[in-house]
Amino acid sequence: MLVVGLVVGAVSLVALKVSEKDPADVETAIEATGAGGQLARFAQFSPLALPAADLDYVAAVQPGTTEPAPATTAAPQPQQGKGGGGKNSTGDNNDGDHIHQVDYHSYLEHVTAVLGTKLLAPDQGAYGTYQEVAPGQIQARSTITGLRPVIEQAVADVKKHDPKVKGEELERRIAKRLTELNDWENLTPQTQAKLSLLAGVDFEAMGGKEREQKLNHYLHSVQPFGDITTPLSPDTIIDMGYTHTLDKDWTQAEDKGNGVFKITMVSNNNDGSHTGHTLGSFLVQLPPGTTAKQAKNIGNDMVSNDNNNDRLYLDISARNILYGVTPPIDFTKPVETTTTMPPTTVPTTVVDSTPSTTAPSTTAPSTTATAADTGSSTTTAGASTTMSSAPPVTS
């Protein structure tokens, strides 16, 4: 009884703090989290442990920080800085003179290392999609995702603004809205309360700079399209379509030996929430003696893309929230956590295999379903990759 009282008291405190601008929101914020039931599962709010890389940053901006790093090895962290959003970099000024040393990593790895999985959608996967649509032509999709409460707010915001928008345009607007929800101050009191409850952390009590590192960096992100592990010829076309903050200046070229290079596309939004996040990688076979700088330019030439926030692709886990496949968070019941964990080795399955029937056909036109949903599976060089002969997704 005492534990429940402490927890409910902590929840009330969060609701009060996140609604200081409008005291009338207090009861609404508490009601939105389903006070009671599930709340008994949470202990008192506690400090959030960060990996060593993030601790160094927090110590610099918050003197006296003493939080221990977790015992497990954390995913690599992005270069630190201000701002949760930043602006798109077109990648048009790539001159190949050098290769930025980027400690790239995926969104799922980043969130799982710092926040765990309760803040993610229950079906959150590690990748967007890729598929071979014709010989020498690969369609790759770096989708937009975010923390589960943030996705729920993005859906609500867009539907409230224009209740009549449907299908592909609806998904694009939600994806764009996710890129705009890049700061604690952009979130509603209800979303803020849900984030604190799921993490068991009082984010509102943090200073702005500390919260930037401990939460803002994870609110939304691009997803990598996957990792193509069969070497491609340099005349292959990889069509990434519309992207968010892909910066070809930041492309990584790693020499794997015998003329094989791993090319990784990387996000750069000016030290923001997903700077250093990978947008996907592929292997390319080049003549012996090719330098990393040359491989970088060749890899960039193989990739076709257009940074355009008005035409982004919504991640499958976010689409499932939109279409009701994943219900709204209900704190009166056990919160379902993700079952898709980041791989510890080179990923082997990189295609969105969720059946197209997950999105009701009455509200989600077939053009919004992932074209790879009907793909067949083949095994090459010990790695399973899924390709499809289906026509490209209409964009």
Protein backbone atom coordinates (compact mmCIF):
# COMPACT_ATOMS: atom_id res chain seq x y z
CA MET A 1 0.00 0.00 0.00
CA LEU A 2 2.88 2.32 0.84
CA VAL A 3 4.61 1.53 -2.48
CA VAL A 4 1.44 2.29 -4.43
CA GLY A 5 1.07 5.56 -2.53
CA LEU A 6 4.62 6.58 -3.33
CA VAL A 7 4.21 5.72 -7.00
CA VAL A 8 0.91 7.52 -7.39
CA GLY A 9 2.44 10.50 -5.60
CA ALA A 10 5.36 10.49 -8.03
CA VAL A 11 2.95 10.30 -10.97
CA SER A 12 0.97 13.23 -9.59
CA LEU A 13 4.20 15.18 -9.24
CA VAL A 14 5.10 14.53 -12.86
CA ALA A 15 1.62 15.54 -14.00
CA LEU A 16 1.92 18.77 -12.01
CA LYS A 17 5.36 19.57 -13.34
CA VAL A 18 4.58 18.94 -16.99
CA SER A 19 1.49 21.11 -16.78
CA GLU A 20 2.88 24.17 -15.03
CA LYS A 21 1.93 26.26 -18.05
CA ASP A 22 -1.72 25.21 -17.68
CA PRO A 23 -2.83 23.82 -14.30
CA ALA A 24 -6.09 22.65 -15.89
CA ASP A 25 -4.11 19.91 -17.62
CA VAL A 26 -3.16 18.16 -14.37
CA GLU A 27 -6.16 15.83 -14.15
CA THR A 28 -6.10 15.24 -17.91
CA ALA A 29 -2.44 14.21 -17.80
CA ILE A 30 -3.06 11.77 -14.96
CA GLU A 31 -6.13 10.34 -16.67
CA ALA A 32 -4.23 9.95 -19.96
CA THR A 33 -1.76 7.63 -18.25
CA GLY A 34 -4.49 5.40 -16.79
CA ALA A 35 -3.61 6.05 -13.14
CA GLY A 36 -3.96 2.91 -11.02
CA GLY A 37 -3.39 -0.71 -11.98
CA GLN A 38 -0.16 -0.59 -13.95
CA LEU A 39 1.23 2.20 -11.77
CA ALA A 40 1.84 -0.28 -8.98
CA ARG A 41 4.41 -1.92 -11.25
CA PHE A 42 6.66 1.14 -11.17
CA ALA A 43 9.07 1.97 -8.36
CA GLN A 44 9.86 5.54 -7.38
CA PHE A 45 11.41 7.64 -10.11
CA SER A 46 15.14 7.03 -10.21
CA PRO A 47 18.21 8.54 -11.92
CA LEU A 48 18.77 7.37 -15.48
CA ALA A 49 22.12 5.68 -15.99
CA LEU A 50 23.90 6.57 -19.20
CA PRO A 51 26.73 4.92 -21.14
CA ALA A 52 30.17 6.40 -20.50
CA ALA A 53 30.13 8.51 -23.67
CA ASP A 54 26.94 10.27 -22.60
CA LEU A 55 28.15 10.55 -18.99
CA ASP A 56 31.17 12.53 -20.16
CA TYR A 57 28.86 15.01 -21.85
CA VAL A 58 26.45 15.30 -18.92
CA ALA A 59 29.34 15.81 -16.49
CA ALA A 60 30.57 18.69 -18.64
CA VAL A 61 27.23 20.50 -18.63
CA GLN A 62 25.94 19.36 -15.24
CA PRO A 63 28.76 19.55 -12.66
CA GLY A 64 28.44 17.01 -9.88
CA THR A 65 26.82 14.29 -12.00
CA THR A 66 27.62 10.97 -10.35
CA GLU A 67 25.47 8.48 -12.23
CA PRO A 68 27.23 5.16 -12.84
CA ALA A 69 27.45 3.75 -16.34
CA PRO A 70 25.54 0.47 -16.84
CA ALA A 71 27.50 -2.74 -16.42
CA THR A 72 26.74 -3.94 -19.94
CA THR A 73 28.51 -2.65 -23.03
CA ALA A 74 26.45 0.12 -24.55
CA ALA A 75 25.83 0.86 -28.18
CA PRO A 76 28.12 3.54 -29.68
CA GLN A 77 26.90 7.06 -29.01
CA PRO A 78 26.66 9.95 -31.47
CA GLN A 79 28.80 13.03 -31.38
CA GLN A 80 27.35 15.32 -28.76
CA GLY A 81 25.94 18.79 -29.16
CA LYS A 82 22.91 20.99 -28.90
CA GLY A 83 19.57 20.70 -30.59
CA GLY A 84 17.14 17.85 -30.99
CA GLY A 85 16.25 18.48 -34.58
CA GLY A 86 18.73 20.37 -36.69
CA LYS A 87 18.16 20.86 -40.38
CA ASN A 88 18.58 18.62 -43.36
CA SER A 89 21.93 18.46 -45.07
CA THR A 90 21.49 17.99 -48.79
CA GLY A 91 24.71 16.10 -49.31
CA ASP A 92 25.18 17.98 -52.59
CA ASN A 93 28.57 19.40 -51.62
CA ASN A 94 30.36 16.06 -51.36
CA ASP A 95 33.82 16.46 -52.85
CA GLY A 96 35.41 13.25 -51.61
CA ASP A 97 38.44 15.04 -50.16
CA HIS A 98 38.18 13.21 -46.85
CA ILE A 99 36.08 10.82 -44.83
CA HIS A 100 34.59 12.01 -41.54
CA GLN A 101 35.32 9.56 -38.76
CA VAL A 102 31.76 8.86 -37.63
CA ASP A 103 30.92 6.45 -34.83
CA TYR A 104 27.69 5.43 -36.55
CA HIS A 105 25.01 3.21 -35.03
CA SER A 106 21.30 2.48 -35.40
CA TYR A 107 18.37 4.12 -33.64
CA LEU A 108 17.25 0.86 -32.03
CA GLU A 109 20.72 0.22 -30.63
CA HIS A 110 20.85 3.77 -29.28
CA VAL A 111 17.46 3.70 -27.53
CA THR A 112 17.88 0.19 -26.14
CA ALA A 113 21.28 1.01 -24.64
CA VAL A 114 20.01 4.07 -22.76
CA LEU A 115 16.25 3.81 -22.25
CA GLY A 116 15.51 0.11 -22.64
CA THR A 117 12.57 -1.16 -24.66
CA LYS A 118 9.44 -0.01 -22.83
CA LEU A 119 9.45 3.32 -24.67
CA LEU A 120 9.52 1.60 -28.07
CA ALA A 121 6.57 0.29 -30.05
CA PRO A 122 6.04 -3.43 -29.25
CA ASP A 123 6.87 -4.40 -32.84
CA GLN A 124 9.71 -1.93 -33.33
CA GLY A 125 12.16 -3.41 -35.80
CA ALA A 126 15.75 -2.51 -36.53
CA TYR A 127 15.30 -1.60 -40.20
CA GLY A 128 13.23 -0.05 -42.92
CA THR A 129 13.29 -2.06 -46.17
CA TYR A 130 15.27 -2.87 -49.26
CA GLN A 131 14.45 -5.01 -52.29
CA GLU A 132 15.78 -5.73 -55.75
CA VAL A 133 13.19 -4.41 -58.21
CA ALA A 134 15.19 -5.17 -61.40
CA PRO A 135 18.68 -6.42 -62.24
CA GLY A 136 21.12 -3.87 -60.90
CA GLN A 137 18.35 -1.79 -59.29
CA ILE A 138 17.66 -1.84 -55.56
CA GLN A 139 14.94 0.12 -53.85
CA ALA A 140 15.91 1.07 -50.30
CA ARG A 141 13.72 2.86 -47.78
CA SER A 142 15.03 4.66 -44.70
CA THR A 143 11.84 5.09 -42.70
CA ILE A 144 10.96 7.49 -39.87
CA THR A 145 10.16 6.20 -36.41
CA GLY A 146 10.16 7.39 -32.81
CA LEU A 147 9.34 6.54 -29.22
CA ARG A 148 5.88 5.05 -28.82
CA PRO A 149 4.26 7.97 -26.94
CA VAL A 150 5.76 10.40 -29.47
CA ILE A 151 4.34 8.40 -32.39
CA GLU A 152 0.93 8.46 -30.70
CA GLN A 153 1.13 12.25 -30.39
CA ALA A 154 2.25 12.68 -34.01
CA VAL A 155 -0.76 10.64 -35.18
CA ALA A 156 -3.14 12.65 -32.98
CA ASP A 157 -1.64 15.98 -34.04
CA VAL A 158 -1.98 15.27 -37.76
CA LYS A 159 -5.50 13.84 -37.50
CA LYS A 160 -6.64 16.80 -35.44
CA HIS A 161 -5.17 19.29 -37.91
CA ASP A 162 -6.78 17.65 -40.94
CA PRO A 163 -9.27 14.84 -40.15
CA LYS A 164 -9.92 14.18 -43.84
CA VAL A 165 -6.40 13.31 -44.96
CA LYS A 166 -5.96 9.60 -45.75
CA GLY A 167 -3.58 6.97 -47.04
CA GLU A 168 -0.09 7.79 -48.25
CA GLU A 169 -0.46 11.52 -47.65
CA LEU A 170 -1.53 10.85 -44.06
CA GLU A 171 1.53 8.67 -43.47
CA ARG A 172 3.83 11.28 -44.96
CA ARG A 173 2.41 14.01 -42.75
CA ILE A 174 2.83 11.86 -39.65
CA ALA A 175 6.43 11.08 -40.62
CA LYS A 176 7.08 14.80 -41.04
CA ARG A 177 5.38 15.57 -37.74
CA LEU A 178 7.66 13.06 -36.03
CA THR A 179 10.69 14.99 -37.29
CA GLU A 180 9.20 18.13 -35.72
CA LEU A 181 8.71 16.50 -32.30
CA ASN A 182 12.37 16.79 -31.43
CA ASP A 183 12.28 18.50 -28.06
CA TRP A 184 10.58 18.02 -24.68
CA GLU A 185 8.90 21.40 -25.08
CA ASN A 186 7.22 20.20 -28.30
CA LEU A 187 5.40 17.43 -26.44
CA THR A 188 1.99 17.61 -24.78
CA PRO A 189 1.72 17.16 -20.99
CA GLN A 190 0.13 13.76 -21.64
CA THR A 191 3.05 12.60 -23.80
CA GLN A 192 5.55 13.91 -21.27
CA ALA A 193 3.82 12.01 -18.45
CA LYS A 194 3.79 8.78 -20.47
CA LEU A 195 7.51 9.06 -21.24
CA SER A 196 8.36 9.57 -17.58
CA LEU A 197 6.15 6.68 -16.46
CA LEU A 198 7.50 4.21 -18.99
CA ALA A 199 11.12 5.11 -18.25
CA GLY A 200 10.58 5.44 -14.50
CA VAL A 201 12.49 8.72 -14.76
CA ASP A 202 11.34 12.24 -13.88
CA PHE A 203 12.49 13.97 -17.07
CA GLU A 204 10.78 17.21 -16.12
CA ALA A 205 13.04 17.58 -13.07
CA MET A 206 16.15 17.58 -15.28
CA GLY A 207 17.88 20.66 -16.58
CA GLY A 208 17.47 21.41 -20.26
CA LYS A 209 20.97 20.31 -21.28
CA GLU A 210 20.77 17.07 -19.34
CA ARG A 211 17.35 16.28 -20.79
CA GLU A 212 18.73 16.96 -24.26
CA GLN A 213 21.09 14.01 -23.88
CA LYS A 214 18.85 11.72 -21.86
CA LEU A 215 15.65 12.07 -23.84
CA ASN A 216 15.59 14.52 -26.76
CA HIS A 217 18.18 12.45 -28.61
CA TYR A 218 15.75 9.56 -28.79
CA LEU A 219 12.34 11.11 -29.53
CA HIS A 220 12.47 10.37 -33.28
CA SER A 221 14.94 9.09 -35.83
CA VAL A 222 15.62 7.73 -39.27
CA GLN A 223 15.87 3.95 -39.63
CA PRO A 224 18.55 2.22 -41.72
CA PHE A 225 17.15 0.47 -44.79
CA GLY A 226 19.29 -2.53 -43.82
CA ASP A 227 22.70 -3.99 -44.60
CA ILE A 228 23.31 -5.57 -48.01
CA THR A 229 25.95 -8.22 -47.40
CA THR A 230 26.41 -9.55 -50.95
CA PRO A 231 28.96 -7.40 -52.84
CA LEU A 232 27.38 -5.28 -55.59
CA SER A 233 28.93 -4.01 -58.79
CA PRO A 234 29.56 -0.24 -58.91
CA ASP A 235 27.00 0.21 -61.69
CA THR A 236 24.19 -0.87 -59.33
CA ILE A 237 21.59 1.81 -58.60
CA ILE A 238 20.34 2.06 -55.01
CA ASP A 239 17.23 4.25 -55.04
CA MET A 240 16.63 5.59 -51.52
CA GLY A 241 13.85 7.90 -52.69
CA TYR A 242 13.04 10.56 -50.13
CA THR A 243 15.29 10.78 -47.08
CA HIS A 244 15.69 12.79 -43.88
CA THR A 245 19.11 14.29 -43.08
CA LEU A 246 21.18 11.92 -45.22
CA ASP A 247 24.55 13.65 -45.64
CA LYS A 248 26.80 12.19 -48.31
CA ASP A 249 29.75 14.11 -46.90
CA TRP A 250 29.46 11.74 -43.94
CA THR A 251 29.39 8.53 -46.00
CA GLN A 252 31.74 5.89 -44.57
CA ALA A 253 33.91 3.65 -46.77
CA GLU A 254 35.57 0.73 -45.00
CA ASP A 255 38.10 -1.45 -46.82
CA LYS A 256 37.20 -5.11 -46.28
CA GLY A 257 40.03 -6.43 -48.45
CA ASN A 258 40.29 -7.78 -51.99
CA GLY A 259 38.66 -4.65 -53.41
CA VAL A 260 35.49 -5.03 -51.32
CA PHE A 261 34.31 -1.90 -49.48
CA LYS A 262 31.50 -1.44 -47.02
CA ILE A 263 29.66 1.80 -47.78
CA THR A 264 27.50 3.21 -44.98
CA MET A 265 25.09 6.11 -45.45
CA VAL A 266 24.92 8.34 -42.37
CA SER A 267 22.56 10.95 -40.94
CA ASN A 268 23.87 14.38 -40.00
CA ASN A 269 21.45 16.92 -38.54
CA ASN A 270 23.98 19.27 -37.01
CA ASP A 271 24.70 17.33 -33.81
CA GLY A 272 21.01 16.72 -33.27
CA SER A 273 18.95 13.72 -32.24
CA HIS A 274 20.08 11.38 -34.99
CA THR A 275 23.47 12.65 -36.00
CA GLY A 276 25.58 9.56 -36.59
CA HIS A 277 22.61 7.24 -37.13
CA THR A 278 23.06 4.88 -40.05
CA LEU A 279 20.63 4.97 -42.96
CA GLY A 280 21.85 1.63 -44.30
CA SER A 281 24.95 0.00 -45.76
CA PHE A 282 26.05 -2.14 -48.69
CA LEU A 283 29.15 -3.90 -50.00
CA VAL A 284 30.62 -2.98 -53.37
CA GLN A 285 33.29 -4.85 -55.34
CA LEU A 286 35.96 -2.50 -56.73
CA PRO A 287 39.34 -3.07 -58.41
CA PRO A 288 42.28 -3.80 -56.10
CA GLY A 289 44.12 -0.60 -55.21
CA THR A 290 40.95 1.49 -54.91
CA THR A 291 41.32 3.97 -52.05
CA ALA A 292 38.71 4.63 -49.38
CA LYS A 293 38.18 8.14 -50.74
CA GLN A 294 37.52 6.77 -54.23
CA ALA A 295 35.21 4.09 -52.81
CA LYS A 296 33.26 6.76 -50.92
CA ASN A 297 32.62 8.72 -54.12
CA ILE A 298 31.67 5.58 -56.04
CA GLY A 299 29.30 4.56 -53.26
CA ASN A 300 27.69 7.99 -53.19
CA ASP A 301 27.21 7.87 -56.96
CA MET A 302 25.44 4.51 -56.60
CA VAL A 303 22.87 6.03 -54.20
CA SER A 304 20.04 8.20 -55.49
CA ASN A 305 18.11 10.23 -52.91
CA ASP A 306 16.36 13.52 -52.20
CA ASN A 307 16.20 14.96 -48.67
CA ASN A 308 12.56 16.02 -48.53
CA ASN A 309 10.65 16.13 -45.24
CA ASP A 310 7.31 16.46 -47.04
CA ARG A 311 7.56 12.99 -48.61
CA LEU A 312 9.16 10.75 -46.00
CA TYR A 313 8.28 7.10 -45.40
CA LEU A 314 6.61 6.12 -42.13
CA ASP A 315 8.10 3.11 -40.33
CA ILE A 316 5.96 -0.04 -40.12
CA SER A 317 5.72 0.09 -36.31
CA ALA A 318 4.42 3.66 -36.54
CA ARG A 319 1.97 2.64 -39.28
CA ASN A 320 0.64 -0.09 -36.99
CA ILE A 321 -0.03 2.54 -34.33
CA LEU A 322 -1.75 4.73 -36.92
CA TYR A 323 -4.05 1.96 -38.15
CA GLY A 324 -4.89 0.54 -34.72
CA VAL A 325 -2.91 -2.70 -35.05
CA THR A 326 -0.94 -1.51 -32.02
CA PRO A 327 -3.44 -0.05 -29.53
CA PRO A 328 -2.79 3.13 -27.51
CA ILE A 329 -0.68 2.69 -24.38
CA ASP A 330 -2.90 1.53 -21.52
CA PHE A 331 -1.32 1.77 -18.08
CA THR A 332 -4.11 -0.29 -16.53
CA LYS A 333 -2.54 -3.35 -18.20
CA PRO A 334 1.02 -4.66 -18.44
CA VAL A 335 2.88 -2.59 -21.02
CA GLU A 336 4.01 -4.78 -23.90
CA THR A 337 7.66 -4.35 -24.76
CA THR A 338 9.43 -4.83 -28.05
CA THR A 339 10.45 -8.33 -29.11
CA THR A 340 12.84 -7.16 -31.83
CA MET A 341 16.24 -6.50 -30.33
CA PRO A 342 19.23 -4.99 -32.11
CA PRO A 343 21.54 -7.67 -33.51
CA THR A 344 24.86 -8.39 -31.86
CA THR A 345 26.42 -9.36 -35.20
CA VAL A 346 25.94 -8.38 -38.82
CA PRO A 347 22.17 -8.25 -39.48
CA THR A 348 20.84 -11.04 -41.65
CA THR A 349 17.20 -10.10 -42.07
CA VAL A 350 16.66 -6.57 -43.27
CA VAL A 351 13.33 -6.50 -45.02
CA ASP A 352 10.04 -5.38 -43.51
CA SER A 353 8.21 -8.70 -43.55
CA THR A 354 5.05 -7.51 -41.82
CA PRO A 355 2.09 -8.68 -43.95
CA SER A 356 0.38 -5.90 -45.86
CA THR A 357 -2.90 -6.91 -44.22
CA THR A 358 -1.80 -5.27 -40.97
CA ALA A 359 -2.97 -1.93 -42.29
CA PRO A 360 -6.70 -1.97 -43.08
CA SER A 361 -7.21 -1.67 -46.81
CA THR A 362 -10.04 0.79 -46.28
CA THR A 363 -7.67 3.38 -44.86
CA ALA A 364 -4.25 2.36 -46.11
CA PRO A 365 -3.98 2.09 -49.91
CA SER A 366 -1.78 -0.63 -51.31
CA THR A 367 0.79 1.93 -52.42
CA THR A 368 1.63 2.57 -48.78
CA ALA A 369 2.27 -1.07 -47.96
CA THR A 370 5.86 -2.21 -48.15
CA ALA A 371 6.47 -3.73 -51.54
CA ALA A 372 8.76 -6.32 -50.00
CA ASP A 373 5.89 -7.83 -48.03
CA THR A 374 5.47 -10.52 -50.68
CA GLY A 375 9.19 -11.11 -51.23
CA SER A 376 10.85 -14.50 -51.27
CA SER A 377 13.84 -15.43 -49.16
CA THR A 378 17.21 -16.45 -50.54
CA THR A 379 20.49 -17.21 -48.83
CA THR A 380 23.77 -15.84 -50.12
CA ALA A 381 27.21 -16.07 -48.52
CA GLY A 382 25.72 -17.39 -45.32
CA ALA A 383 23.41 -14.41 -44.81
CA SER A 384 19.69 -14.47 -45.41
CA THR A 385 18.42 -11.54 -47.44
CA THR A 386 14.94 -10.98 -48.76
CA MET A 387 14.40 -9.58 -52.21
CA SER A 388 11.24 -9.16 -54.23
CA SER A 389 10.42 -8.86 -57.89
CA ALA A 390 7.42 -6.69 -57.05
CA PRO A 391 7.29 -3.26 -58.69
CA PRO A 392 8.73 -0.33 -56.73
CA VAL A 393 6.60 1.48 -54.18
CA THR A 394 4.88 4.45 -55.74
CA SER A 395 6.23 7.65 -54.24
